[in-house]
PDB file of N, CA and C in Angstrom:
ATOM      1  N   MET A   1     -35.247 161.247 -41.935  1.00  0.00           N
ATOM      2  CA  MET A   1     -36.169 161.877 -42.349  1.00  0.00           C
ATOM      3  C   MET A   1     -36.228 161.843 -44.150  1.00  0.00           C
ATOM      4  N   ALA A   2     -37.142 161.689 -44.846  1.00  0.00           N
ATOM      5  CA  ALA A   2     -37.177 161.785 -46.151  1.00  0.00           C
ATOM      6  C   ALA A   2     -37.193 163.474 -46.556  1.00  0.00           C
ATOM      7  N   ARG A   3     -36.401 163.638 -47.682  1.00  0.00           N
ATOM      8  CA  ARG A   3     -36.436 165.271 -47.980  1.00  0.00           C
ATOM      9  C   ARG A   3     -37.655 165.124 -48.993  1.00  0.00           C
ATOM     10  N   LYS A   4     -37.970 166.354 -49.236  1.00  0.00           N
ATOM     11  CA  LYS A   4     -39.318 166.399 -49.658  1.00  0.00           C
ATOM     12  C   LYS A   4     -39.401 166.367 -51.209  1.00  0.00           C
ATOM     13  N   TRP A   5     -38.366 166.807 -52.082  1.00  0.00           N
ATOM     14  CA  TRP A   5     -38.383 166.583 -53.401  1.00  0.00           C
ATOM     15  C   TRP A   5     -38.011 164.999 -54.007  1.00  0.00           C
ATOM     16  N   ASN A   6     -37.634 164.077 -52.622  1.00  0.00           N
ATOM     17  CA  ASN A   6     -37.577 162.641 -52.944  1.00  0.00           C
ATOM     18  C   ASN A   6     -38.626 161.874 -53.243  1.00  0.00           C
ATOM     19  N   VAL A   7     -39.563 162.415 -52.319  1.00  0.00           N
ATOM     20  CA  VAL A   7     -41.021 161.902 -52.050  1.00  0.00           C
ATOM     21  C   VAL A   7     -42.046 162.312 -53.017  1.00  0.00           C
ATOM     22  N   MET A   8     -42.808 161.403 -53.567  1.00  0.00           N
ATOM     23  CA  MET A   8     -43.891 161.563 -54.527  1.00  0.00           C
ATOM     24  C   MET A   8     -45.085 160.947 -54.130  1.00  0.00           C
ATOM     25  N   GLN A   9     -46.233 162.022 -54.119  1.00  0.00           N
ATOM     26  CA  GLN A   9     -47.782 161.276 -53.999  1.00  0.00           C
ATOM     27  C   GLN A   9     -48.090 160.498 -55.456  1.00  0.00           C
ATOM     28  N   ILE A  10     -48.483 159.265 -55.192  1.00  0.00           N
ATOM     29  CA  ILE A  10     -49.274 158.482 -56.514  1.00  0.00           C
ATOM     30  C   ILE A  10     -50.467 157.882 -56.218  1.00  0.00           C
ATOM     31  N   TRP A  11     -51.227 157.405 -56.953  1.00  0.00           N
ATOM     32  CA  TRP A  11     -52.638 156.844 -57.203  1.00  0.00           C
ATOM     33  C   TRP A  11     -51.934 155.317 -57.497  1.00  0.00           C
ATOM     34  N   LEU A  12     -52.918 154.440 -56.829  1.00  0.00           N
ATOM     35  CA  LEU A  12     -53.042 153.067 -56.985  1.00  0.00           C
ATOM     36  C   LEU A  12     -54.043 152.774 -57.529  1.00  0.00           C
ATOM     37  N   GLN A  13     -53.945 152.137 -58.807  1.00  0.00           N
ATOM     38  CA  GLN A  13     -55.327 151.802 -59.947  1.00  0.00           C
ATOM     39  C   GLN A  13     -55.344 150.169 -59.602  1.00  0.00           C
ATOM     40  N   CYS A  14     -56.306 150.019 -59.807  1.00  0.00           N
ATOM     41  CA  CYS A  14     -57.064 148.396 -59.767  1.00  0.00           C
ATOM     42  C   CYS A  14     -56.506 147.894 -60.769  1.00  0.00           C
ATOM     43  N   SER A  15     -55.790 146.738 -61.186  1.00  0.00           N
ATOM     44  CA  SER A  15     -55.488 146.358 -62.304  1.00  0.00           C
ATOM     45  C   SER A  15     -56.500 145.583 -63.223  1.00  0.00           C
ATOM     46  N   GLU A  16     -57.611 144.916 -62.523  1.00  0.00           N
ATOM     47  CA  GLU A  16     -58.661 144.353 -62.989  1.00  0.00           C
ATOM     48  C   GLU A  16     -59.994 145.645 -63.461  1.00  0.00           C
ATOM     49  N   CYS A  17     -60.678 146.421 -62.419  1.00  0.00           N
ATOM     50  CA  CYS A  17     -61.504 147.151 -63.209  1.00  0.00           C
ATOM     51  C   CYS A  17     -61.021 148.413 -63.542  1.00  0.00           C
ATOM     52  N   GLY A  18     -59.742 148.941 -63.274  1.00  0.00           N
ATOM     53  CA  GLY A  18     -58.860 150.288 -63.555  1.00  0.00           C
ATOM     54  C   GLY A  18     -59.399 151.506 -62.430  1.00  0.00           C
ATOM     55  N   ARG A  19     -60.668 151.101 -61.377  1.00  0.00           N
ATOM     56  CA  ARG A  19     -60.512 152.261 -60.935  1.00  0.00           C
ATOM     57  C   ARG A  19     -59.277 152.815 -60.049  1.00  0.00           C
ATOM     58  N   LEU A  20     -59.497 154.090 -59.426  1.00  0.00           N
ATOM     59  CA  LEU A  20     -58.398 154.689 -58.716  1.00  0.00           C
ATOM     60  C   LEU A  20     -58.939 154.496 -57.335  1.00  0.00           C
ATOM     61  N   ASN A  21     -57.882 153.564 -56.293  1.00  0.00           N
ATOM     62  CA  ASN A  21     -58.919 153.486 -55.033  1.00  0.00           C
ATOM     63  C   ASN A  21     -57.619 153.926 -53.771  1.00  0.00           C
ATOM     64  N   TYR A  22     -56.753 153.725 -54.056  1.00  0.00           N
ATOM     65  CA  TYR A  22     -55.944 154.241 -53.090  1.00  0.00           C
ATOM     66  C   TYR A  22     -54.457 155.484 -53.566  1.00  0.00           C
ATOM     67  N   THR A  23     -54.166 156.355 -52.589  1.00  0.00           N
ATOM     68  CA  THR A  23     -53.483 157.079 -52.771  1.00  0.00           C
ATOM     69  C   THR A  23     -52.107 156.771 -51.646  1.00  0.00           C
ATOM     70  N   THR A  24     -51.016 157.010 -52.062  1.00  0.00           N
ATOM     71  CA  THR A  24     -49.916 156.659 -51.274  1.00  0.00           C
ATOM     72  C   THR A  24     -48.744 157.409 -51.596  1.00  0.00           C
ATOM     73  N   THR A  25     -47.369 157.242 -50.850  1.00  0.00           N
ATOM     74  CA  THR A  25     -46.489 158.155 -51.203  1.00  0.00           C
ATOM     75  C   THR A  25     -45.138 157.124 -51.347  1.00  0.00           C
ATOM     76  N   ARG A  26     -44.284 157.691 -52.336  1.00  0.00           N
ATOM     77  CA  ARG A  26     -43.147 156.784 -52.478  1.00  0.00           C
ATOM     78  C   ARG A  26     -41.758 157.614 -52.952  1.00  0.00           C
ATOM     79  N   ASN A  27     -40.616 157.213 -52.342  1.00  0.00           N
ATOM     80  CA  ASN A  27     -39.699 158.020 -52.222  1.00  0.00           C
ATOM     81  C   ASN A  27     -39.176 157.572 -54.002  1.00  0.00           C
ATOM     82  N   LYS A  28     -38.606 158.463 -54.637  1.00  0.00           N
ATOM     83  CA  LYS A  28     -37.943 158.112 -56.025  1.00  0.00           C
ATOM     84  C   LYS A  28     -36.661 157.662 -55.997  1.00  0.00           C
ATOM     85  N   VAL A  29     -35.865 157.779 -54.684  1.00  0.00           N
ATOM     86  CA  VAL A  29     -34.527 157.350 -54.523  1.00  0.00           C
ATOM     87  C   VAL A  29     -34.228 155.819 -54.128  1.00  0.00           C
ATOM     88  N   ASN A  30     -35.256 155.975 -53.230  1.00  0.00           N
ATOM     89  CA  ASN A  30     -35.080 154.283 -52.679  1.00  0.00           C
ATOM     90  C   ASN A  30     -35.982 153.556 -53.305  1.00  0.00           C
ATOM     91  N   ASN A  31     -36.841 153.632 -54.122  1.00  0.00           N
ATOM     92  CA  ASN A  31     -37.744 152.779 -54.823  1.00  0.00           C
ATOM     93  C   ASN A  31     -38.107 153.718 -56.269  1.00  0.00           C
ATOM     94  N   PRO A  32     -36.781 153.145 -57.323  1.00  0.00           N
ATOM     95  CA  PRO A  32     -37.027 153.817 -58.589  1.00  0.00           C
ATOM     96  C   PRO A  32     -37.832 153.122 -59.533  1.00  0.00           C
ATOM     97  N   THR A  33     -38.504 151.900 -58.997  1.00  0.00           N
ATOM     98  CA  THR A  33     -39.176 151.417 -60.239  1.00  0.00           C
ATOM     99  C   THR A  33     -40.697 151.498 -59.448  1.00  0.00           C
ATOM    100  N   LYS A  34     -41.788 151.332 -60.397  1.00  0.00           N
ATOM    101  CA  LYS A  34     -43.260 151.351 -60.118  1.00  0.00           C
ATOM    102  C   LYS A  34     -43.612 150.566 -59.013  1.00  0.00           C
ATOM    103  N   LEU A  35     -44.490 151.005 -58.369  1.00  0.00           N
ATOM    104  CA  LEU A  35     -45.327 150.019 -57.161  1.00  0.00           C
ATOM    105  C   LEU A  35     -46.153 149.061 -57.582  1.00  0.00           C
ATOM    106  N   SER A  36     -46.267 147.793 -56.923  1.00  0.00           N
ATOM    107  CA  SER A  36     -47.389 147.108 -57.464  1.00  0.00           C
ATOM    108  C   SER A  36     -47.815 146.444 -55.843  1.00  0.00           C
ATOM    109  N   LEU A  37     -48.887 146.688 -55.437  1.00  0.00           N
ATOM    110  CA  LEU A  37     -49.398 146.313 -54.215  1.00  0.00           C
ATOM    111  C   LEU A  37     -50.723 145.211 -54.427  1.00  0.00           C
ATOM    112  N   LYS A  38     -50.580 144.551 -53.314  1.00  0.00           N
ATOM    113  CA  LYS A  38     -52.113 143.399 -53.312  1.00  0.00           C
ATOM    114  C   LYS A  38     -52.839 144.214 -52.529  1.00  0.00           C
ATOM    115  N   LYS A  39     -54.107 144.992 -52.804  1.00  0.00           N
ATOM    116  CA  LYS A  39     -54.953 145.679 -51.936  1.00  0.00           C
ATOM    117  C   LYS A  39     -56.498 145.311 -52.315  1.00  0.00           C
ATOM    118  N   TYR A  40     -57.377 145.414 -51.351  1.00  0.00           N
ATOM    119  CA  TYR A  40     -58.955 145.179 -51.711  1.00  0.00           C
ATOM    120  C   TYR A  40     -59.120 146.398 -52.317  1.00  0.00           C
ATOM    121  N   CYS A  41     -60.136 145.775 -53.220  1.00  0.00           N
ATOM    122  CA  CYS A  41     -60.597 146.847 -54.567  1.00  0.00           C
ATOM    123  C   CYS A  41     -62.331 146.550 -53.783  1.00  0.00           C
ATOM    124  N   PRO A  42     -62.971 147.757 -53.362  1.00  0.00           N
ATOM    125  CA  PRO A  42     -64.353 147.799 -53.461  1.00  0.00           C
ATOM    126  C   PRO A  42     -65.136 147.642 -54.198  1.00  0.00           C
ATOM    127  N   ALA A  43     -64.863 148.045 -55.728  1.00  0.00           N
ATOM    128  CA  ALA A  43     -65.675 147.348 -56.962  1.00  0.00           C
ATOM    129  C   ALA A  43     -65.680 146.227 -57.405  1.00  0.00           C
ATOM    130  N   CYS A  44     -64.624 145.579 -56.892  1.00  0.00           N
ATOM    131  CA  CYS A  44     -64.338 144.099 -57.595  1.00  0.00           C
ATOM    132  C   CYS A  44     -64.695 143.222 -56.559  1.00  0.00           C
ATOM    133  N   ARG A  45     -64.664 143.571 -54.933  1.00  0.00           N
ATOM    134  CA  ARG A  45     -65.073 143.373 -53.421  1.00  0.00           C
ATOM    135  C   ARG A  45     -64.326 142.107 -53.614  1.00  0.00           C
ATOM    136  N   LYS A  46     -62.660 142.258 -53.929  1.00  0.00           N
ATOM    137  CA  LYS A  46     -61.806 141.046 -53.645  1.00  0.00           C
ATOM    138  C   LYS A  46     -60.121 141.813 -53.479  1.00  0.00           C
ATOM    139  N   HIS A  47     -59.312 140.968 -53.323  1.00  0.00           N
ATOM    140  CA  HIS A  47     -57.804 141.533 -53.229  1.00  0.00           C
ATOM    141  C   HIS A  47     -57.359 141.412 -54.746  1.00  0.00           C
ATOM    142  N   VAL A  48     -56.966 142.165 -55.214  1.00  0.00           N
ATOM    143  CA  VAL A  48     -56.134 142.456 -56.254  1.00  0.00           C
ATOM    144  C   VAL A  48     -55.141 143.203 -56.127  1.00  0.00           C
ATOM    145  N   ALA A  49     -54.086 143.385 -57.288  1.00  0.00           N
ATOM    146  CA  ALA A  49     -53.042 143.760 -57.364  1.00  0.00           C
ATOM    147  C   ALA A  49     -53.191 145.289 -58.068  1.00  0.00           C
ATOM    148  N   HIS A  50     -52.725 146.461 -57.377  1.00  0.00           N
ATOM    149  CA  HIS A  50     -53.250 147.803 -57.640  1.00  0.00           C
ATOM    150  C   HIS A  50     -51.814 148.123 -58.103  1.00  0.00           C
ATOM    151  N   LYS A  51     -51.500 149.030 -58.998  1.00  0.00           N
ATOM    152  CA  LYS A  51     -50.276 149.407 -59.632  1.00  0.00           C
ATOM    153  C   LYS A  51     -50.267 150.913 -59.836  1.00  0.00           C
ATOM    154  N   GLU A  52     -49.008 151.079 -59.637  1.00  0.00           N
ATOM    155  CA  GLU A  52     -48.818 153.013 -59.530  1.00  0.00           C
ATOM    156  C   GLU A  52     -49.462 153.437 -61.113  1.00  0.00           C
ATOM    157  N   ARG A  53     -50.108 154.662 -61.048  1.00  0.00           N
ATOM    158  CA  ARG A  53     -50.631 155.196 -62.042  1.00  0.00           C
ATOM    159  C   ARG A  53     -49.741 156.442 -62.363  1.00  0.00           C
ATOM    160  N   GLN A  54     -49.872 157.517 -61.575  1.00  0.00           N
ATOM    161  CA  GLN A  54     -49.133 158.630 -61.824  1.00  0.00           C
ATOM    162  C   GLN A  54     -48.888 159.422 -60.721  1.00  0.00           C
ATOM    163  N   LYS A  55     -48.174 160.481 -60.583  1.00  0.00           N
ATOM    164  CA  LYS A  55     -48.081 161.333 -59.339  1.00  0.00           C
ATOM    165  C   LYS A  55     -49.468 162.401 -59.344  1.00  0.00           C
ATOM    166  N   LEU A  56     -49.473 162.763 -58.228  1.00  0.00           N
ATOM    167  CA  LEU A  56     -50.721 163.609 -58.135  1.00  0.00           C
ATOM    168  C   LEU A  56     -49.935 165.083 -58.223  1.00  0.00           C
ATOM    169  N   LYS A  57     -50.786 165.897 -58.625  1.00  0.00           N
ATOM    170  CA  LYS A  57     -50.255 167.142 -58.781  1.00  0.00           C
ATOM    171  C   LYS A  57     -50.712 168.418 -57.510  1.00  0.00           C
TER     172      LYS A  57
END
């Protein structure tokens, strides 16, 4: 099980329109680089790359 201080919550921001569409968690130890996932954007109405913006507070 992941330890609490290693896991952080992040926003995923659309690379085309810039909207914040998704939130997810990322383990800082196992994945030190920023996330980039291809997800559906309801504003663009297509699948585009969503990049990590910043952690939630």
